[in-house]
Amino acid sequence: MTDGSEVDRYVKDPSLLLELCQEVIDRLDAGTETDDTAAMEAQLREIAKAIDKLDKIGVAVPDALRAEKTRLAAALGVNAEAVQVLNHLTDELEELLKGLKARLGRTSEGDTTKKPRAKRSRSPKTPNATLRELIVEALRHHGGSCHKNDVLQYMEEKLQGKLMPGDMEWRETTRDHAWQNNACWERYQMTKDGVLKTGSPRGIWELSEDHA
């Protein structure tokens, strides 16, 4: 959380907040600027097939080939992670924008009914610390690495009957519930904290060596 003096800066000059948002978006978007993603994915598939064939016939796989597979997987993982974060950010900003328009009484064209001022939902949600614990637990259950969907399914089973009112709010942009959206945000923070690996293949969540 920012302190009061930090908030005051943006209250006095809201344009600073817009500049900050733009800078964050630009930095995240830099991770998605890969024009040849499809080509890289195709190359990765072919290399994986070649390695499998060599393994099956008992021929040693060249280190350079394995290194190239790792490099491609990491590059695609960074791209996918940046896209995921931008999608979540879009969802959060759209929610804020809806609330701001409602406060100003601005409605869509053709709707002349003034709606009451809406505030961002304050319904209680599962704490991020709990989501983090469950992510780690799910990954350890699956051997330290598995697809995002498997992690969320494990978490949903563990949270059955424990989800709070705010957890089930629907996020239109990412097409998921608030607790799932928050879990993905927490996963991103865990990569920054070194709990999860960065640059994992698309859709795969992995514990780092220190937390496996």
C-alpha atoms as a PDB file:
ATOM      1  CA  MET A   1       0.000   0.000   0.000  1.00  0.00           C
ATOM      2  CA  THR A   2       1.189   3.539  -0.729  1.00  0.00           C
ATOM      3  CA  ASP A   3       1.454   6.029   2.123  1.00  0.00           C
ATOM      4  CA  GLY A   4      -0.613   9.188   2.373  1.00  0.00           C
ATOM      5  CA  SER A   5       2.075  11.482   0.988  1.00  0.00           C
ATOM      6  CA  GLU A   6       2.426   9.308  -2.114  1.00  0.00           C
ATOM      7  CA  VAL A   7      -1.329   9.386  -2.731  1.00  0.00           C
ATOM      8  CA  ASP A   8      -1.384  13.156  -2.253  1.00  0.00           C
ATOM      9  CA  ARG A   9       0.991  13.559  -5.219  1.00  0.00           C
ATOM     10  CA  TYR A  10      -1.521  11.897  -7.533  1.00  0.00           C
ATOM     11  CA  VAL A  11      -4.484  13.724  -6.028  1.00  0.00           C
ATOM     12  CA  LYS A  12      -2.793  17.060  -6.733  1.00  0.00           C
ATOM     13  CA  ASP A  13      -1.774  16.033 -10.253  1.00  0.00           C
ATOM     14  CA  PRO A  14      -3.783  13.043 -11.609  1.00  0.00           C
ATOM     15  CA  SER A  15      -1.787  13.190 -14.856  1.00  0.00           C
ATOM     16  CA  LEU A  16       1.116  11.652 -12.918  1.00  0.00           C
ATOM     17  CA  LEU A  17      -1.053   8.603 -12.278  1.00  0.00           C
ATOM     18  CA  LEU A  18      -1.838   8.291 -15.981  1.00  0.00           C
ATOM     19  CA  GLU A  19       1.861   8.537 -16.820  1.00  0.00           C
ATOM     20  CA  LEU A  20       2.651   5.849 -14.264  1.00  0.00           C
ATOM     21  CA  CYS A  21      -0.018   3.537 -15.681  1.00  0.00           C
ATOM     22  CA  GLN A  22       1.297   4.085 -19.195  1.00  0.00           C
ATOM     23  CA  GLU A  23       4.859   3.307 -18.115  1.00  0.00           C
ATOM     24  CA  VAL A  24       3.763   0.081 -16.422  1.00  0.00           C
ATOM     25  CA  ILE A  25       1.780  -0.959 -19.503  1.00  0.00           C
ATOM     26  CA  ASP A  26       4.702  -0.154 -21.820  1.00  0.00           C
ATOM     27  CA  ARG A  27       7.102  -2.236 -19.746  1.00  0.00           C
ATOM     28  CA  LEU A  28       4.738  -5.184 -19.648  1.00  0.00           C
ATOM     29  CA  ASP A  29       3.959  -4.852 -23.351  1.00  0.00           C
ATOM     30  CA  ALA A  30       7.661  -4.993 -24.149  1.00  0.00           C
ATOM     31  CA  GLY A  31       7.521  -8.644 -23.130  1.00  0.00           C
ATOM     32  CA  THR A  32       4.909  -9.394 -25.785  1.00  0.00           C
ATOM     33  CA  GLU A  33       6.726  -7.882 -28.754  1.00  0.00           C
ATOM     34  CA  THR A  34       7.602 -11.143 -30.436  1.00  0.00           C
ATOM     35  CA  ASP A  35       6.536 -11.085 -34.070  1.00  0.00           C
ATOM     36  CA  ASP A  36       7.615 -14.664 -34.737  1.00  0.00           C
ATOM     37  CA  THR A  37       5.846 -16.382 -31.841  1.00  0.00           C
ATOM     38  CA  ALA A  38       4.132 -18.878 -34.168  1.00  0.00           C
ATOM     39  CA  ALA A  39       7.460 -19.710 -35.801  1.00  0.00           C
ATOM     40  CA  MET A  40       9.095 -20.207 -32.416  1.00  0.00           C
ATOM     41  CA  GLU A  41       6.266 -22.504 -31.300  1.00  0.00           C
ATOM     42  CA  ALA A  42       6.605 -24.562 -34.481  1.00  0.00           C
ATOM     43  CA  GLN A  43      10.371 -24.762 -34.040  1.00  0.00           C
ATOM     44  CA  LEU A  44       9.966 -25.859 -30.431  1.00  0.00           C
ATOM     45  CA  ARG A  45       7.565 -28.642 -31.455  1.00  0.00           C
ATOM     46  CA  GLU A  46       9.978 -29.925 -34.093  1.00  0.00           C
ATOM     47  CA  ILE A  47      12.925 -29.874 -31.701  1.00  0.00           C
ATOM     48  CA  ALA A  48      10.875 -31.710 -29.059  1.00  0.00           C
ATOM     49  CA  LYS A  49       9.959 -34.375 -31.639  1.00  0.00           C
ATOM     50  CA  ALA A  50      13.591 -34.750 -32.679  1.00  0.00           C
ATOM     51  CA  ILE A  51      14.723 -35.164 -29.076  1.00  0.00           C
ATOM     52  CA  ASP A  52      12.018 -37.776 -28.437  1.00  0.00           C
ATOM     53  CA  LYS A  53      13.097 -39.757 -31.510  1.00  0.00           C
ATOM     54  CA  LEU A  54      16.738 -39.683 -30.478  1.00  0.00           C
ATOM     55  CA  ASP A  55      15.836 -40.783 -26.962  1.00  0.00           C
ATOM     56  CA  LYS A  56      13.748 -43.692 -28.274  1.00  0.00           C
ATOM     57  CA  ILE A  57      16.532 -45.080 -30.465  1.00  0.00           C
ATOM     58  CA  GLY A  58      19.137 -44.585 -27.768  1.00  0.00           C
ATOM     59  CA  VAL A  59      21.143 -41.854 -29.475  1.00  0.00           C
ATOM     60  CA  ALA A  60      22.684 -39.165 -27.308  1.00  0.00           C
ATOM     61  CA  VAL A  61      20.910 -35.837 -27.710  1.00  0.00           C
ATOM     62  CA  PRO A  62      23.339 -32.996 -28.498  1.00  0.00           C
ATOM     63  CA  ASP A  63      23.603 -30.463 -25.693  1.00  0.00           C
ATOM     64  CA  ALA A  64      23.073 -27.653 -28.201  1.00  0.00           C
ATOM     65  CA  LEU A  65      19.704 -29.119 -29.193  1.00  0.00           C
ATOM     66  CA  ARG A  66      18.532 -29.370 -25.585  1.00  0.00           C
ATOM     67  CA  ALA A  67      19.787 -25.838 -24.921  1.00  0.00           C
ATOM     68  CA  GLU A  68      17.822 -24.510 -27.902  1.00  0.00           C
ATOM     69  CA  LYS A  69      14.678 -26.237 -26.655  1.00  0.00           C
ATOM     70  CA  THR A  70      15.136 -24.619 -23.240  1.00  0.00           C
ATOM     71  CA  ARG A  71      15.770 -21.211 -24.801  1.00  0.00           C
ATOM     72  CA  LEU A  72      12.647 -21.349 -26.957  1.00  0.00           C
ATOM     73  CA  ALA A  73      10.459 -22.563 -24.080  1.00  0.00           C
ATOM     74  CA  ALA A  74      11.729 -19.766 -21.843  1.00  0.00           C
ATOM     75  CA  ALA A  75      11.173 -17.089 -24.507  1.00  0.00           C
ATOM     76  CA  LEU A  76       7.616 -18.268 -25.160  1.00  0.00           C
ATOM     77  CA  GLY A  77       6.972 -18.470 -21.422  1.00  0.00           C
ATOM     78  CA  VAL A  78       7.984 -14.822 -20.913  1.00  0.00           C
ATOM     79  CA  ASN A  79       5.701 -13.791 -23.764  1.00  0.00           C
ATOM     80  CA  ALA A  80       2.743 -15.734 -22.355  1.00  0.00           C
ATOM     81  CA  GLU A  81       3.317 -14.350 -18.870  1.00  0.00           C
ATOM     82  CA  ALA A  82       3.322 -10.753 -20.121  1.00  0.00           C
ATOM     83  CA  VAL A  83       0.094 -11.306 -22.057  1.00  0.00           C
ATOM     84  CA  GLN A  84      -1.543 -12.870 -19.001  1.00  0.00           C
ATOM     85  CA  VAL A  85      -0.580  -9.953 -16.776  1.00  0.00           C
ATOM     86  CA  LEU A  86      -1.849  -7.423 -19.331  1.00  0.00           C
ATOM     87  CA  ASN A  87      -5.164  -9.283 -19.512  1.00  0.00           C
ATOM     88  CA  HIS A  88      -5.538  -9.148 -15.736  1.00  0.00           C
ATOM     89  CA  LEU A  89      -4.554  -5.488 -15.689  1.00  0.00           C
ATOM     90  CA  THR A  90      -7.172  -4.756 -18.354  1.00  0.00           C
ATOM     91  CA  ASP A  91      -9.826  -6.395 -16.195  1.00  0.00           C
ATOM     92  CA  GLU A  92      -8.866  -4.383 -13.121  1.00  0.00           C
ATOM     93  CA  LEU A  93      -8.732  -1.081 -15.009  1.00  0.00           C
ATOM     94  CA  GLU A  94     -12.110  -1.710 -16.646  1.00  0.00           C
ATOM     95  CA  GLU A  95     -13.644  -2.304 -13.222  1.00  0.00           C
ATOM     96  CA  LEU A  96     -12.180   0.971 -11.964  1.00  0.00           C
ATOM     97  CA  LEU A  97     -13.418   2.806 -15.053  1.00  0.00           C
ATOM     98  CA  LYS A  98     -16.946   1.459 -14.610  1.00  0.00           C
ATOM     99  CA  GLY A  99     -16.975   2.685 -11.035  1.00  0.00           C
ATOM    100  CA  LEU A 100     -15.648   6.101 -12.049  1.00  0.00           C
ATOM    101  CA  LYS A 101     -18.291   6.534 -14.762  1.00  0.00           C
ATOM    102  CA  ALA A 102     -21.021   5.519 -12.333  1.00  0.00           C
ATOM    103  CA  ARG A 103     -19.836   8.108  -9.819  1.00  0.00           C
ATOM    104  CA  LEU A 104     -20.029  10.782 -12.510  1.00  0.00           C
ATOM    105  CA  GLY A 105     -23.475   9.627 -13.598  1.00  0.00           C
ATOM    106  CA  ARG A 106     -22.215   8.792 -17.094  1.00  0.00           C
ATOM    107  CA  THR A 107     -24.235   6.055 -18.763  1.00  0.00           C
ATOM    108  CA  SER A 108     -24.067   4.348 -22.129  1.00  0.00           C
ATOM    109  CA  GLU A 109     -25.825   5.910 -25.132  1.00  0.00           C
ATOM    110  CA  GLY A 110     -29.570   5.371 -25.122  1.00  0.00           C
ATOM    111  CA  ASP A 111     -29.704   4.808 -21.387  1.00  0.00           C
ATOM    112  CA  THR A 112     -31.257   7.910 -19.836  1.00  0.00           C
ATOM    113  CA  THR A 113     -31.816   6.350 -16.439  1.00  0.00           C
ATOM    114  CA  LYS A 114     -29.374   7.735 -13.951  1.00  0.00           C
ATOM    115  CA  LYS A 115     -27.795   4.926 -12.025  1.00  0.00           C
ATOM    116  CA  PRO A 116     -26.717   5.159  -8.414  1.00  0.00           C
ATOM    117  CA  ARG A 117     -23.060   5.737  -7.752  1.00  0.00           C
ATOM    118  CA  ALA A 118     -21.243   2.447  -7.708  1.00  0.00           C
ATOM    119  CA  LYS A 119     -18.119   1.680  -5.793  1.00  0.00           C
ATOM    120  CA  ARG A 120     -15.644  -1.096  -6.355  1.00  0.00           C
ATOM    121  CA  SER A 121     -16.829  -4.224  -4.618  1.00  0.00           C
ATOM    122  CA  ARG A 122     -15.720  -4.480  -1.017  1.00  0.00           C
ATOM    123  CA  SER A 123     -17.121  -7.966  -0.522  1.00  0.00           C
ATOM    124  CA  PRO A 124     -14.710 -10.118   1.473  1.00  0.00           C
ATOM    125  CA  LYS A 125     -12.387 -12.316  -0.561  1.00  0.00           C
ATOM    126  CA  THR A 126      -9.949 -15.093   0.269  1.00  0.00           C
ATOM    127  CA  PRO A 127      -6.663 -13.473   1.399  1.00  0.00           C
ATOM    128  CA  ASN A 128      -3.760 -13.593  -1.047  1.00  0.00           C
ATOM    129  CA  ALA A 129      -1.662 -15.354   1.586  1.00  0.00           C
ATOM    130  CA  THR A 130      -4.141 -18.242   1.576  1.00  0.00           C
ATOM    131  CA  LEU A 131      -4.115 -18.377  -2.229  1.00  0.00           C
ATOM    132  CA  ARG A 132      -0.315 -18.459  -2.185  1.00  0.00           C
ATOM    133  CA  GLU A 133      -0.258 -21.348   0.279  1.00  0.00           C
ATOM    134  CA  LEU A 134      -2.700 -23.302  -1.866  1.00  0.00           C
ATOM    135  CA  ILE A 135      -0.706 -22.662  -5.040  1.00  0.00           C
ATOM    136  CA  VAL A 136       2.409 -24.067  -3.393  1.00  0.00           C
ATOM    137  CA  GLU A 137       0.432 -26.994  -1.996  1.00  0.00           C
ATOM    138  CA  ALA A 138      -1.107 -27.745  -5.396  1.00  0.00           C
ATOM    139  CA  LEU A 139       2.247 -27.683  -7.164  1.00  0.00           C
ATOM    140  CA  ARG A 140       3.868 -29.929  -4.579  1.00  0.00           C
ATOM    141  CA  HIS A 141       0.924 -32.293  -4.952  1.00  0.00           C
ATOM    142  CA  HIS A 142       1.642 -32.427  -8.687  1.00  0.00           C
ATOM    143  CA  GLY A 143       5.390 -32.918  -8.283  1.00  0.00           C
ATOM    144  CA  GLY A 144       6.425 -29.273  -8.393  1.00  0.00           C
ATOM    145  CA  SER A 145       5.093 -28.440 -11.839  1.00  0.00           C
ATOM    146  CA  CYS A 146       1.754 -28.622 -13.657  1.00  0.00           C
ATOM    147  CA  HIS A 147      -0.645 -26.714 -15.876  1.00  0.00           C
ATOM    148  CA  LYS A 148      -2.419 -23.658 -14.514  1.00  0.00           C
ATOM    149  CA  ASN A 149      -5.813 -25.371 -14.881  1.00  0.00           C
ATOM    150  CA  ASP A 150      -4.688 -28.261 -12.667  1.00  0.00           C
ATOM    151  CA  VAL A 151      -3.562 -25.808  -9.995  1.00  0.00           C
ATOM    152  CA  LEU A 152      -6.882 -23.952 -10.053  1.00  0.00           C
ATOM    153  CA  GLN A 153      -8.850 -27.195  -9.968  1.00  0.00           C
ATOM    154  CA  TYR A 154      -6.893 -28.368  -6.907  1.00  0.00           C
ATOM    155  CA  MET A 155      -7.456 -24.985  -5.242  1.00  0.00           C
ATOM    156  CA  GLU A 156     -11.176 -25.061  -6.002  1.00  0.00           C
ATOM    157  CA  GLU A 157     -11.491 -28.465  -4.347  1.00  0.00           C
ATOM    158  CA  LYS A 158      -9.660 -27.234  -1.249  1.00  0.00           C
ATOM    159  CA  LEU A 159     -11.734 -24.051  -1.111  1.00  0.00           C
ATOM    160  CA  GLN A 160     -15.060 -25.820  -1.530  1.00  0.00           C
ATOM    161  CA  GLY A 161     -17.437 -24.461   1.085  1.00  0.00           C
ATOM    162  CA  LYS A 162     -14.863 -21.846   2.134  1.00  0.00           C
ATOM    163  CA  LEU A 163     -15.094 -19.358  -0.745  1.00  0.00           C
ATOM    164  CA  MET A 164     -16.209 -15.900   0.368  1.00  0.00           C
ATOM    165  CA  PRO A 165     -18.880 -13.692  -1.283  1.00  0.00           C
ATOM    166  CA  GLY A 166     -16.368 -11.615  -3.212  1.00  0.00           C
ATOM    167  CA  ASP A 167     -14.582 -14.698  -4.549  1.00  0.00           C
ATOM    168  CA  MET A 168     -17.449 -15.572  -6.872  1.00  0.00           C
ATOM    169  CA  GLU A 169     -17.706 -12.176  -8.572  1.00  0.00           C
ATOM    170  CA  TRP A 170     -17.359 -12.644 -12.339  1.00  0.00           C
ATOM    171  CA  ARG A 171     -14.540 -10.897 -14.231  1.00  0.00           C
ATOM    172  CA  GLU A 172     -15.734 -10.400 -17.802  1.00  0.00           C
ATOM    173  CA  THR A 173     -12.376  -9.609 -19.404  1.00  0.00           C
ATOM    174  CA  THR A 174     -10.581 -12.718 -18.210  1.00  0.00           C
ATOM    175  CA  ARG A 175     -13.760 -14.833 -18.147  1.00  0.00           C
ATOM    176  CA  ASP A 176     -13.175 -16.188 -14.665  1.00  0.00           C
ATOM    177  CA  HIS A 177     -14.198 -15.638 -11.055  1.00  0.00           C
ATOM    178  CA  ALA A 178     -12.471 -13.172  -8.755  1.00  0.00           C
ATOM    179  CA  TRP A 179     -10.644 -15.852  -6.750  1.00  0.00           C
ATOM    180  CA  GLN A 180      -9.209 -17.372  -9.947  1.00  0.00           C
ATOM    181  CA  ASN A 181      -8.181 -13.943 -11.185  1.00  0.00           C
ATOM    182  CA  ASN A 182      -6.560 -13.159  -7.847  1.00  0.00           C
ATOM    183  CA  ALA A 183      -4.768 -16.512  -7.857  1.00  0.00           C
ATOM    184  CA  CYS A 184      -3.223 -15.648 -11.234  1.00  0.00           C
ATOM    185  CA  TRP A 185      -2.141 -12.257  -9.904  1.00  0.00           C
ATOM    186  CA  GLU A 186      -0.625 -13.983  -6.871  1.00  0.00           C
ATOM    187  CA  ARG A 187       1.180 -16.430  -9.161  1.00  0.00           C
ATOM    188  CA  TYR A 188       2.744 -13.450 -10.953  1.00  0.00           C
ATOM    189  CA  GLN A 189       3.882 -11.974  -7.632  1.00  0.00           C
ATOM    190  CA  MET A 190       5.315 -15.353  -6.623  1.00  0.00           C
ATOM    191  CA  THR A 191       7.537 -15.350  -9.710  1.00  0.00           C
ATOM    192  CA  LYS A 192       8.821 -11.938  -8.651  1.00  0.00           C
ATOM    193  CA  ASP A 193       9.465 -13.235  -5.127  1.00  0.00           C
ATOM    194  CA  GLY A 194      11.377 -16.260  -6.436  1.00  0.00           C
ATOM    195  CA  VAL A 195       8.844 -18.803  -5.187  1.00  0.00           C
ATOM    196  CA  LEU A 196       7.902 -19.822  -8.722  1.00  0.00           C
ATOM    197  CA  LYS A 197      10.093 -20.041 -11.798  1.00  0.00           C
ATOM    198  CA  THR A 198       9.999 -17.351 -14.459  1.00  0.00           C
ATOM    199  CA  GLY A 199      10.085 -18.232 -18.145  1.00  0.00           C
ATOM    200  CA  SER A 200       8.152 -21.490 -17.742  1.00  0.00           C
ATOM    201  CA  PRO A 201       6.405 -22.943 -20.832  1.00  0.00           C
ATOM    202  CA  ARG A 202       3.039 -21.401 -21.637  1.00  0.00           C
ATOM    203  CA  GLY A 203       0.364 -22.304 -19.082  1.00  0.00           C
ATOM    204  CA  ILE A 204       2.816 -24.151 -16.809  1.00  0.00           C
ATOM    205  CA  TRP A 205       3.398 -23.093 -13.203  1.00  0.00           C
ATOM    206  CA  GLU A 206       6.580 -24.381 -11.543  1.00  0.00           C
ATOM    207  CA  LEU A 207       8.073 -24.126  -8.083  1.00  0.00           C
ATOM    208  CA  SER A 208      11.623 -22.807  -7.967  1.00  0.00           C
ATOM    209  CA  GLU A 209      14.357 -25.127  -6.729  1.00  0.00           C
ATOM    210  CA  ASP A 210      14.376 -23.427  -3.302  1.00  0.00           C
ATOM    211  CA  HIS A 211      10.660 -24.068  -2.760  1.00  0.00           C
ATOM    212  CA  ALA A 212      10.133 -27.460  -4.398  1.00  0.00           C
END
